[in-house]
Amino acid sequence: MNNLESYISTIDNNSAVVKGELYKLQNNKVKKAGLVARKALMAIIKSAHAMRKLIQADVAAMPIVKKNITPEKLKEMAAKRQITFNEKKAKRLAALKK
């Protein structure tokens, strides 16, 4: 998780740079401020992609938890789904008849 913390601090620093450069661009009409802000935004995007890859790798490494579902439980779940389906269908038909 150390890498994630460094990416987060990088994003924080670059977002502060972007805010400052946009302030310069709006108030002082400094033309190069836009280029610096764009460079900082690209660094933010790069860090976000790297963070996403790290998170995806962590998720892929997690063990898969399989639930032991009995056939009776499956039948109960199917019956509940059918009941809710019928209730929703009845509501739709009642709304159409109005």
PDB file of N, CA and C in Angstrom:
ATOM      1  N   MET A   1       0.809  -1.198   0.000  1.00  0.00           N
ATOM      2  CA  MET A   1       0.000   0.000   0.000  1.00  0.00           C
ATOM      3  C   MET A   1       0.857   1.269   0.000  1.00  0.00           C
ATOM      4  N   ASN A   2       2.171   1.092   0.149  1.00  0.00           N
ATOM      5  CA  ASN A   2       3.052   2.242   0.163  1.00  0.00           C
ATOM      6  C   ASN A   2       3.014   2.983  -1.167  1.00  0.00           C
ATOM      7  N   ASN A   3       2.948   2.230  -2.264  1.00  0.00           N
ATOM      8  CA  ASN A   3       2.874   2.859  -3.578  1.00  0.00           C
ATOM      9  C   ASN A   3       1.605   3.673  -3.727  1.00  0.00           C
ATOM     10  N   LEU A   4       0.496   3.159  -3.210  1.00  0.00           N
ATOM     11  CA  LEU A   4      -0.760   3.895  -3.305  1.00  0.00           C
ATOM     12  C   LEU A   4      -0.657   5.236  -2.591  1.00  0.00           C
ATOM     13  N   GLU A   5      -0.022   5.240  -1.428  1.00  0.00           N
ATOM     14  CA  GLU A   5       0.132   6.493  -0.687  1.00  0.00           C
ATOM     15  C   GLU A   5       0.983   7.490  -1.465  1.00  0.00           C
ATOM     16  N   SER A   6       2.025   7.008  -2.123  1.00  0.00           N
ATOM     17  CA  SER A   6       2.863   7.921  -2.903  1.00  0.00           C
ATOM     18  C   SER A   6       2.090   8.466  -4.104  1.00  0.00           C
ATOM     19  N   TYR A   7       1.260   7.622  -4.722  1.00  0.00           N
ATOM     20  CA  TYR A   7       0.445   8.101  -5.842  1.00  0.00           C
ATOM     21  C   TYR A   7      -0.570   9.135  -5.373  1.00  0.00           C
ATOM     22  N   ILE A   8      -1.147   8.906  -4.199  1.00  0.00           N
ATOM     23  CA  ILE A   8      -2.125   9.860  -3.668  1.00  0.00           C
ATOM     24  C   ILE A   8      -1.456  11.201  -3.374  1.00  0.00           C
ATOM     25  N   SER A   9      -0.265  11.168  -2.784  1.00  0.00           N
ATOM     26  CA  SER A   9       0.434  12.429  -2.506  1.00  0.00           C
ATOM     27  C   SER A   9       0.824  13.128  -3.805  1.00  0.00           C
ATOM     28  N   THR A  10       1.198  12.359  -4.823  1.00  0.00           N
ATOM     29  CA  THR A  10       1.519  12.948  -6.128  1.00  0.00           C
ATOM     30  C   THR A  10       0.300  13.634  -6.720  1.00  0.00           C
ATOM     31  N   ILE A  11      -0.844  12.984  -6.617  1.00  0.00           N
ATOM     32  CA  ILE A  11      -2.079  13.575  -7.139  1.00  0.00           C
ATOM     33  C   ILE A  11      -2.418  14.847  -6.376  1.00  0.00           C
ATOM     34  N   ASP A  12      -2.272  14.825  -5.045  1.00  0.00           N
ATOM     35  CA  ASP A  12      -2.540  16.023  -4.241  1.00  0.00           C
ATOM     36  C   ASP A  12      -1.628  17.176  -4.646  1.00  0.00           C
ATOM     37  N   ASN A  13      -0.344  16.880  -4.787  1.00  0.00           N
ATOM     38  CA  ASN A  13       0.613  17.931  -5.161  1.00  0.00           C
ATOM     39  C   ASN A  13       0.288  18.506  -6.533  1.00  0.00           C
ATOM     40  N   ASN A  14      -0.002  17.635  -7.479  1.00  0.00           N
ATOM     41  CA  ASN A  14      -0.292  18.106  -8.835  1.00  0.00           C
ATOM     42  C   ASN A  14      -1.605  18.872  -8.897  1.00  0.00           C
ATOM     43  N   SER A  15      -2.586  18.481  -8.073  1.00  0.00           N
ATOM     44  CA  SER A  15      -3.845  19.230  -8.079  1.00  0.00           C
ATOM     45  C   SER A  15      -3.626  20.631  -7.512  1.00  0.00           C
ATOM     46  N   ALA A  16      -2.736  20.760  -6.523  1.00  0.00           N
ATOM     47  CA  ALA A  16      -2.405  22.086  -5.998  1.00  0.00           C
ATOM     48  C   ALA A  16      -1.715  22.929  -7.072  1.00  0.00           C
ATOM     49  N   VAL A  17      -0.836  22.293  -7.850  1.00  0.00           N
ATOM     50  CA  VAL A  17      -0.158  22.998  -8.941  1.00  0.00           C
ATOM     51  C   VAL A  17      -1.178  23.471  -9.966  1.00  0.00           C
ATOM     52  N   VAL A  18      -2.126  22.610 -10.310  1.00  0.00           N
ATOM     53  CA  VAL A  18      -3.146  22.970 -11.301  1.00  0.00           C
ATOM     54  C   VAL A  18      -3.960  24.158 -10.804  1.00  0.00           C
ATOM     55  N   LYS A  19      -4.368  24.125  -9.529  1.00  0.00           N
ATOM     56  CA  LYS A  19      -5.152  25.240  -8.979  1.00  0.00           C
ATOM     57  C   LYS A  19      -4.370  26.547  -9.047  1.00  0.00           C
ATOM     58  N   GLY A  20      -3.091  26.486  -8.656  1.00  0.00           N
ATOM     59  CA  GLY A  20      -2.263  27.692  -8.685  1.00  0.00           C
ATOM     60  C   GLY A  20      -2.066  28.224 -10.089  1.00  0.00           C
ATOM     61  N   GLU A  21      -1.820  27.326 -11.020  1.00  0.00           N
ATOM     62  CA  GLU A  21      -1.592  27.755 -12.399  1.00  0.00           C
ATOM     63  C   GLU A  21      -2.864  28.313 -13.023  1.00  0.00           C
ATOM     64  N   LEU A  22      -4.001  27.726 -12.704  1.00  0.00           N
ATOM     65  CA  LEU A  22      -5.257  28.269 -13.226  1.00  0.00           C
ATOM     66  C   LEU A  22      -5.535  29.649 -12.645  1.00  0.00           C
ATOM     67  N   TYR A  23      -5.185  29.839 -11.376  1.00  0.00           N
ATOM     68  CA  TYR A  23      -5.334  31.160 -10.763  1.00  0.00           C
ATOM     69  C   TYR A  23      -4.461  32.174 -11.496  1.00  0.00           C
ATOM     70  N   LYS A  24      -3.206  31.787 -11.780  1.00  0.00           N
ATOM     71  CA  LYS A  24      -2.307  32.671 -12.525  1.00  0.00           C
ATOM     72  C   LYS A  24      -2.876  32.984 -13.902  1.00  0.00           C
ATOM     73  N   LEU A  25      -3.408  31.955 -14.531  1.00  0.00           N
ATOM     74  CA  LEU A  25      -3.928  32.116 -15.886  1.00  0.00           C
ATOM     75  C   LEU A  25      -5.110  33.074 -15.906  1.00  0.00           C
ATOM     76  N   GLN A  26      -5.983  32.971 -14.900  1.00  0.00           N
ATOM     77  CA  GLN A  26      -7.172  33.823 -14.866  1.00  0.00           C
ATOM     78  C   GLN A  26      -6.842  35.258 -14.472  1.00  0.00           C
ATOM     79  N   ASN A  27      -6.001  35.429 -13.470  1.00  0.00           N
ATOM     80  CA  ASN A  27      -5.788  36.763 -12.908  1.00  0.00           C
ATOM     81  C   ASN A  27      -4.616  37.518 -13.517  1.00  0.00           C
ATOM     82  N   ASN A  28      -3.547  36.839 -13.802  1.00  0.00           N
ATOM     83  CA  ASN A  28      -2.347  37.528 -14.272  1.00  0.00           C
ATOM     84  C   ASN A  28      -2.139  37.398 -15.773  1.00  0.00           C
ATOM     85  N   LYS A  29      -2.973  36.616 -16.411  1.00  0.00           N
ATOM     86  CA  LYS A  29      -2.879  36.403 -17.860  1.00  0.00           C
ATOM     87  C   LYS A  29      -1.508  35.863 -18.274  1.00  0.00           C
ATOM     88  N   VAL A  30      -0.959  34.961 -17.464  1.00  0.00           N
ATOM     89  CA  VAL A  30       0.321  34.326 -17.781  1.00  0.00           C
ATOM     90  C   VAL A  30       0.038  33.182 -18.748  1.00  0.00           C
ATOM     91  N   LYS A  31       0.599  33.259 -19.941  1.00  0.00           N
ATOM     92  CA  LYS A  31       0.270  32.269 -20.966  1.00  0.00           C
ATOM     93  C   LYS A  31       0.884  30.902 -20.686  1.00  0.00           C
ATOM     94  N   LYS A  32       2.070  30.868 -20.081  1.00  0.00           N
ATOM     95  CA  LYS A  32       2.723  29.584 -19.833  1.00  0.00           C
ATOM     96  C   LYS A  32       2.046  28.809 -18.713  1.00  0.00           C
ATOM     97  N   ALA A  33       1.204  29.477 -17.946  1.00  0.00           N
ATOM     98  CA  ALA A  33       0.527  28.804 -16.835  1.00  0.00           C
ATOM     99  C   ALA A  33      -0.346  27.665 -17.350  1.00  0.00           C
ATOM    100  N   GLY A  34      -0.944  27.844 -18.507  1.00  0.00           N
ATOM    101  CA  GLY A  34      -1.781  26.801 -19.088  1.00  0.00           C
ATOM    102  C   GLY A  34      -0.983  25.552 -19.423  1.00  0.00           C
ATOM    103  N   LEU A  35       0.241  25.746 -19.903  1.00  0.00           N
ATOM    104  CA  LEU A  35       1.093  24.602 -20.235  1.00  0.00           C
ATOM    105  C   LEU A  35       1.497  23.836 -18.981  1.00  0.00           C
ATOM    106  N   VAL A  36       1.826  24.570 -17.929  1.00  0.00           N
ATOM    107  CA  VAL A  36       2.216  23.922 -16.676  1.00  0.00           C
ATOM    108  C   VAL A  36       1.026  23.168 -16.090  1.00  0.00           C
ATOM    109  N   ALA A  37      -0.156  23.784 -16.159  1.00  0.00           N
ATOM    110  CA  ALA A  37      -1.363  23.134 -15.638  1.00  0.00           C
ATOM    111  C   ALA A  37      -1.659  21.859 -16.423  1.00  0.00           C
ATOM    112  N   ARG A  38      -1.483  21.912 -17.729  1.00  0.00           N
ATOM    113  CA  ARG A  38      -1.733  20.728 -18.558  1.00  0.00           C
ATOM    114  C   ARG A  38      -0.759  19.608 -18.208  1.00  0.00           C
ATOM    115  N   LYS A  39       0.498  19.968 -17.989  1.00  0.00           N
ATOM    116  CA  LYS A  39       1.508  18.975 -17.626  1.00  0.00           C
ATOM    117  C   LYS A  39       1.163  18.328 -16.282  1.00  0.00           C
ATOM    118  N   ALA A  40       0.700  19.142 -15.327  1.00  0.00           N
ATOM    119  CA  ALA A  40       0.318  18.615 -14.015  1.00  0.00           C
ATOM    120  C   ALA A  40      -0.909  17.714 -14.132  1.00  0.00           C
ATOM    121  N   LEU A  41      -1.850  18.090 -14.987  1.00  0.00           N
ATOM    122  CA  LEU A  41      -3.036  17.247 -15.199  1.00  0.00           C
ATOM    123  C   LEU A  41      -2.649  15.904 -15.804  1.00  0.00           C
ATOM    124  N   MET A  42      -1.713  15.919 -16.724  1.00  0.00           N
ATOM    125  CA  MET A  42      -1.259  14.662 -17.317  1.00  0.00           C
ATOM    126  C   MET A  42      -0.584  13.778 -16.267  1.00  0.00           C
ATOM    127  N   ALA A  43       0.150  14.398 -15.337  1.00  0.00           N
ATOM    128  CA  ALA A  43       0.778  13.634 -14.259  1.00  0.00           C
ATOM    129  C   ALA A  43      -0.285  13.026 -13.345  1.00  0.00           C
ATOM    130  N   ILE A  44      -1.365  13.775 -13.112  1.00  0.00           N
ATOM    131  CA  ILE A  44      -2.471  13.249 -12.297  1.00  0.00           C
ATOM    132  C   ILE A  44      -3.089  12.035 -12.980  1.00  0.00           C
ATOM    133  N   ILE A  45      -3.315  12.143 -14.276  1.00  0.00           N
ATOM    134  CA  ILE A  45      -3.910  11.033 -15.027  1.00  0.00           C
ATOM    135  C   ILE A  45      -2.998   9.812 -14.981  1.00  0.00           C
ATOM    136  N   LYS A  46      -1.691  10.027 -15.136  1.00  0.00           N
ATOM    137  CA  LYS A  46      -0.731   8.923 -15.100  1.00  0.00           C
ATOM    138  C   LYS A  46      -0.758   8.223 -13.741  1.00  0.00           C
ATOM    139  N   SER A  47      -0.795   9.018 -12.672  1.00  0.00           N
ATOM    140  CA  SER A  47      -0.831   8.452 -11.319  1.00  0.00           C
ATOM    141  C   SER A  47      -2.125   7.684 -11.088  1.00  0.00           C
ATOM    142  N   ALA A  48      -3.232   8.220 -11.593  1.00  0.00           N
ATOM    143  CA  ALA A  48      -4.521   7.547 -11.419  1.00  0.00           C
ATOM    144  C   ALA A  48      -4.528   6.200 -12.133  1.00  0.00           C
ATOM    145  N   HIS A  49      -3.955   6.142 -13.335  1.00  0.00           N
ATOM    146  CA  HIS A  49      -3.890   4.871 -14.059  1.00  0.00           C
ATOM    147  C   HIS A  49      -3.030   3.855 -13.309  1.00  0.00           C
ATOM    148  N   ALA A  50      -1.912   4.322 -12.779  1.00  0.00           N
ATOM    149  CA  ALA A  50      -1.031   3.418 -12.033  1.00  0.00           C
ATOM    150  C   ALA A  50      -1.729   2.902 -10.780  1.00  0.00           C
ATOM    151  N   MET A  51      -2.468   3.787 -10.091  1.00  0.00           N
ATOM    152  CA  MET A  51      -3.216   3.367  -8.901  1.00  0.00           C
ATOM    153  C   MET A  51      -4.266   2.326  -9.265  1.00  0.00           C
ATOM    154  N   ARG A  52      -4.951   2.566 -10.373  1.00  0.00           N
ATOM    155  CA  ARG A  52      -5.991   1.629 -10.806  1.00  0.00           C
ATOM    156  C   ARG A  52      -5.394   0.255 -11.085  1.00  0.00           C
ATOM    157  N   LYS A  53      -4.227   0.222 -11.717  1.00  0.00           N
ATOM    158  CA  LYS A  53      -3.575  -1.062 -11.996  1.00  0.00           C
ATOM    159  C   LYS A  53      -3.189  -1.783 -10.712  1.00  0.00           C
ATOM    160  N   LEU A  54      -2.674  -1.024  -9.731  1.00  0.00           N
ATOM    161  CA  LEU A  54      -2.322  -1.635  -8.444  1.00  0.00           C
ATOM    162  C   LEU A  54      -3.550  -2.213  -7.751  1.00  0.00           C
ATOM    163  N   ILE A  55      -4.635  -1.457  -7.782  1.00  0.00           N
ATOM    164  CA  ILE A  55      -5.868  -1.917  -7.131  1.00  0.00           C
ATOM    165  C   ILE A  55      -6.404  -3.154  -7.832  1.00  0.00           C
ATOM    166  N   GLN A  56      -6.368  -3.157  -9.166  1.00  0.00           N
ATOM    167  CA  GLN A  56      -6.835  -4.327  -9.905  1.00  0.00           C
ATOM    168  C   GLN A  56      -5.984  -5.549  -9.588  1.00  0.00           C
ATOM    169  N   ALA A  57      -4.681  -5.360  -9.434  1.00  0.00           N
ATOM    170  CA  ALA A  57      -3.801  -6.482  -9.088  1.00  0.00           C
ATOM    171  C   ALA A  57      -4.130  -7.002  -7.697  1.00  0.00           C
ATOM    172  N   ASP A  58      -4.423  -6.094  -6.755  1.00  0.00           N
ATOM    173  CA  ASP A  58      -4.795  -6.517  -5.402  1.00  0.00           C
ATOM    174  C   ASP A  58      -6.099  -7.301  -5.413  1.00  0.00           C
ATOM    175  N   VAL A  59      -7.055  -6.825  -6.183  1.00  0.00           N
ATOM    176  CA  VAL A  59      -8.351  -7.505  -6.255  1.00  0.00           C
ATOM    177  C   VAL A  59      -8.193  -8.877  -6.898  1.00  0.00           C
ATOM    178  N   ALA A  60      -7.358  -8.965  -7.931  1.00  0.00           N
ATOM    179  CA  ALA A  60      -7.145 -10.250  -8.602  1.00  0.00           C
ATOM    180  C   ALA A  60      -6.444 -11.245  -7.684  1.00  0.00           C
ATOM    181  N   ALA A  61      -5.633 -10.742  -6.757  1.00  0.00           N
ATOM    182  CA  ALA A  61      -4.905 -11.630  -5.853  1.00  0.00           C
ATOM    183  C   ALA A  61      -5.762 -12.115  -4.685  1.00  0.00           C
ATOM    184  N   MET A  62      -6.917 -11.483  -4.494  1.00  0.00           N
ATOM    185  CA  MET A  62      -7.783 -11.889  -3.380  1.00  0.00           C
ATOM    186  C   MET A  62      -8.341 -13.286  -3.629  1.00  0.00           C
ATOM    187  N   PRO A  63      -8.488 -14.055  -2.569  1.00  0.00           N
ATOM    188  CA  PRO A  63      -9.068 -15.387  -2.752  1.00  0.00           C
ATOM    189  C   PRO A  63     -10.556 -15.287  -3.100  1.00  0.00           C
ATOM    190  N   ILE A  64     -10.996 -16.203  -3.940  1.00  0.00           N
ATOM    191  CA  ILE A  64     -12.400 -16.229  -4.337  1.00  0.00           C
ATOM    192  C   ILE A  64     -13.173 -17.008  -3.287  1.00  0.00           C
ATOM    193  N   VAL A  65     -14.192 -16.371  -2.748  1.00  0.00           N
ATOM    194  CA  VAL A  65     -14.998 -17.007  -1.713  1.00  0.00           C
ATOM    195  C   VAL A  65     -16.229 -17.598  -2.383  1.00  0.00           C
ATOM    196  N   LYS A  66     -16.354 -18.897  -2.291  1.00  0.00           N
ATOM    197  CA  LYS A  66     -17.515 -19.561  -2.877  1.00  0.00           C
ATOM    198  C   LYS A  66     -18.498 -19.892  -1.769  1.00  0.00           C
ATOM    199  N   LYS A  67     -19.743 -19.599  -2.033  1.00  0.00           N
ATOM    200  CA  LYS A  67     -20.776 -19.898  -1.048  1.00  0.00           C
ATOM    201  C   LYS A  67     -21.308 -21.302  -1.304  1.00  0.00           C
ATOM    202  N   ASN A  68     -21.538 -22.006  -0.242  1.00  0.00           N
ATOM    203  CA  ASN A  68     -22.140 -23.329  -0.363  1.00  0.00           C
ATOM    204  C   ASN A  68     -23.654 -23.159  -0.361  1.00  0.00           C
ATOM    205  N   ILE A  69     -24.224 -23.194  -1.536  1.00  0.00           N
ATOM    206  CA  ILE A  69     -25.671 -23.019  -1.665  1.00  0.00           C
ATOM    207  C   ILE A  69     -26.286 -24.382  -1.943  1.00  0.00           C
ATOM    208  N   THR A  70     -27.226 -24.740  -1.111  1.00  0.00           N
ATOM    209  CA  THR A  70     -27.892 -26.032  -1.268  1.00  0.00           C
ATOM    210  C   THR A  70     -28.951 -25.928  -2.358  1.00  0.00           C
ATOM    211  N   PRO A  71     -29.355 -27.037  -2.937  1.00  0.00           N
ATOM    212  CA  PRO A  71     -30.415 -27.012  -3.947  1.00  0.00           C
ATOM    213  C   PRO A  71     -31.730 -26.446  -3.399  1.00  0.00           C
ATOM    214  N   GLU A  72     -32.015 -26.708  -2.119  1.00  0.00           N
ATOM    215  CA  GLU A  72     -33.240 -26.165  -1.523  1.00  0.00           C
ATOM    216  C   GLU A  72     -33.185 -24.637  -1.489  1.00  0.00           C
ATOM    217  N   LYS A  73     -32.015 -24.118  -1.140  1.00  0.00           N
ATOM    218  CA  LYS A  73     -31.842 -22.664  -1.079  1.00  0.00           C
ATOM    219  C   LYS A  73     -31.995 -22.058  -2.476  1.00  0.00           C
ATOM    220  N   LEU A  74     -31.479 -22.742  -3.486  1.00  0.00           N
ATOM    221  CA  LEU A  74     -31.634 -22.268  -4.864  1.00  0.00           C
ATOM    222  C   LEU A  74     -33.100 -22.201  -5.259  1.00  0.00           C
ATOM    223  N   LYS A  75     -33.869 -23.225  -4.866  1.00  0.00           N
ATOM    224  CA  LYS A  75     -35.299 -23.232  -5.182  1.00  0.00           C
ATOM    225  C   LYS A  75     -36.021 -22.098  -4.471  1.00  0.00           C
ATOM    226  N   GLU A  76     -35.656 -21.841  -3.204  1.00  0.00           N
ATOM    227  CA  GLU A  76     -36.271 -20.736  -2.467  1.00  0.00           C
ATOM    228  C   GLU A  76     -35.968 -19.396  -3.138  1.00  0.00           C
ATOM    229  N   MET A  77     -34.716 -19.224  -3.556  1.00  0.00           N
ATOM    230  CA  MET A  77     -34.322 -17.975  -4.211  1.00  0.00           C
ATOM    231  C   MET A  77     -35.071 -17.791  -5.526  1.00  0.00           C
ATOM    232  N   ALA A  78     -35.236 -18.861  -6.275  1.00  0.00           N
ATOM    233  CA  ALA A  78     -35.971 -18.789  -7.537  1.00  0.00           C
ATOM    234  C   ALA A  78     -37.428 -18.438  -7.285  1.00  0.00           C
ATOM    235  N   ALA A  79     -38.015 -19.006  -6.237  1.00  0.00           N
ATOM    236  CA  ALA A  79     -39.410 -18.706  -5.906  1.00  0.00           C
ATOM    237  C   ALA A  79     -39.567 -17.235  -5.523  1.00  0.00           C
ATOM    238  N   LYS A  80     -38.626 -16.701  -4.744  1.00  0.00           N
ATOM    239  CA  LYS A  80     -38.677 -15.288  -4.362  1.00  0.00           C
ATOM    240  C   LYS A  80     -38.572 -14.389  -5.585  1.00  0.00           C
ATOM    241  N   ARG A  81     -37.669 -14.749  -6.512  1.00  0.00           N
ATOM    242  CA  ARG A  81     -37.530 -13.958  -7.738  1.00  0.00           C
ATOM    243  C   ARG A  81     -38.819 -13.972  -8.539  1.00  0.00           C
ATOM    244  N   GLN A  82     -39.458 -15.127  -8.604  1.00  0.00           N
ATOM    245  CA  GLN A  82     -40.706 -15.240  -9.352  1.00  0.00           C
ATOM    246  C   GLN A  82     -41.800 -14.392  -8.711  1.00  0.00           C
ATOM    247  N   ILE A  83     -41.858 -14.390  -7.387  1.00  0.00           N
ATOM    248  CA  ILE A  83     -42.868 -13.595  -6.680  1.00  0.00           C
ATOM    249  C   ILE A  83     -42.665 -12.108  -6.955  1.00  0.00           C
ATOM    250  N   THR A  84     -41.422 -11.639  -6.836  1.00  0.00           N
ATOM    251  CA  THR A  84     -41.173 -10.216  -7.083  1.00  0.00           C
ATOM    252  C   THR A  84     -41.424  -9.863  -8.542  1.00  0.00           C
ATOM    253  N   PHE A  85     -41.096 -10.772  -9.449  1.00  0.00           N
ATOM    254  CA  PHE A  85     -41.364 -10.538 -10.864  1.00  0.00           C
ATOM    255  C   PHE A  85     -42.860 -10.376 -11.098  1.00  0.00           C
ATOM    256  N   ASN A  86     -43.648 -11.267 -10.504  1.00  0.00           N
ATOM    257  CA  ASN A  86     -45.101 -11.195 -10.676  1.00  0.00           C
ATOM    258  C   ASN A  86     -45.673  -9.924 -10.060  1.00  0.00           C
ATOM    259  N   GLU A  87     -45.138  -9.510  -8.904  1.00  0.00           N
ATOM    260  CA  GLU A  87     -45.614  -8.273  -8.279  1.00  0.00           C
ATOM    261  C   GLU A  87     -45.327  -7.067  -9.163  1.00  0.00           C
ATOM    262  N   LYS A  88     -44.129  -6.996  -9.709  1.00  0.00           N
ATOM    263  CA  LYS A  88     -43.772  -5.877 -10.581  1.00  0.00           C
ATOM    264  C   LYS A  88     -44.619  -5.877 -11.845  1.00  0.00           C
ATOM    265  N   LYS A  89     -44.874  -7.071 -12.367  1.00  0.00           N
ATOM    266  CA  LYS A  89     -45.687  -7.190 -13.574  1.00  0.00           C
ATOM    267  C   LYS A  89     -47.106  -6.713 -13.299  1.00  0.00           C
ATOM    268  N   ALA A  90     -47.645  -7.087 -12.137  1.00  0.00           N
ATOM    269  CA  ALA A  90     -48.997  -6.658 -11.771  1.00  0.00           C
ATOM    270  C   ALA A  90     -49.060  -5.139 -11.622  1.00  0.00           C
ATOM    271  N   LYS A  91     -48.044  -4.546 -11.038  1.00  0.00           N
ATOM    272  CA  LYS A  91     -48.008  -3.086 -10.890  1.00  0.00           C
ATOM    273  C   LYS A  91     -47.971  -2.399 -12.249  1.00  0.00           C
ATOM    274  N   ARG A  92     -47.172  -2.943 -13.175  1.00  0.00           N
ATOM    275  CA  ARG A  92     -47.093  -2.349 -14.511  1.00  0.00           C
ATOM    276  C   ARG A  92     -48.434  -2.429 -15.218  1.00  0.00           C
ATOM    277  N   LEU A  93     -49.088  -3.584 -15.117  1.00  0.00           N
ATOM    278  CA  LEU A  93     -50.386  -3.747 -15.772  1.00  0.00           C
ATOM    279  C   LEU A  93     -51.433  -2.831 -15.152  1.00  0.00           C
ATOM    280  N   ALA A  94     -51.393  -2.677 -13.831  1.00  0.00           N
ATOM    281  CA  ALA A  94     -52.340  -1.791 -13.156  1.00  0.00           C
ATOM    282  C   ALA A  94     -52.111  -0.343 -13.579  1.00  0.00           C
ATOM    283  N   ALA A  95     -50.851   0.036 -13.763  1.00  0.00           N
ATOM    284  CA  ALA A  95     -50.538   1.399 -14.183  1.00  0.00           C
ATOM    285  C   ALA A  95     -51.005   1.642 -15.613  1.00  0.00           C
ATOM    286  N   LEU A  96     -50.940   0.621 -16.460  1.00  0.00           N
ATOM    287  CA  LEU A  96     -51.387   0.774 -17.844  1.00  0.00           C
ATOM    288  C   LEU A  96     -52.900   0.894 -17.942  1.00  0.00           C
ATOM    289  N   LYS A  97     -53.616   0.210 -17.049  1.00  0.00           N
ATOM    290  CA  LYS A  97     -55.076   0.230 -17.096  1.00  0.00           C
ATOM    291  C   LYS A  97     -55.657   1.561 -16.634  1.00  0.00           C
ATOM    292  N   LYS A  98     -54.887   2.321 -15.858  1.00  0.00           N
ATOM    293  CA  LYS A  98     -55.389   3.606 -15.345  1.00  0.00           C
ATOM    294  C   LYS A  98     -55.525   4.636 -16.408  1.00  0.00           C
TER     295      LYS A  98
END
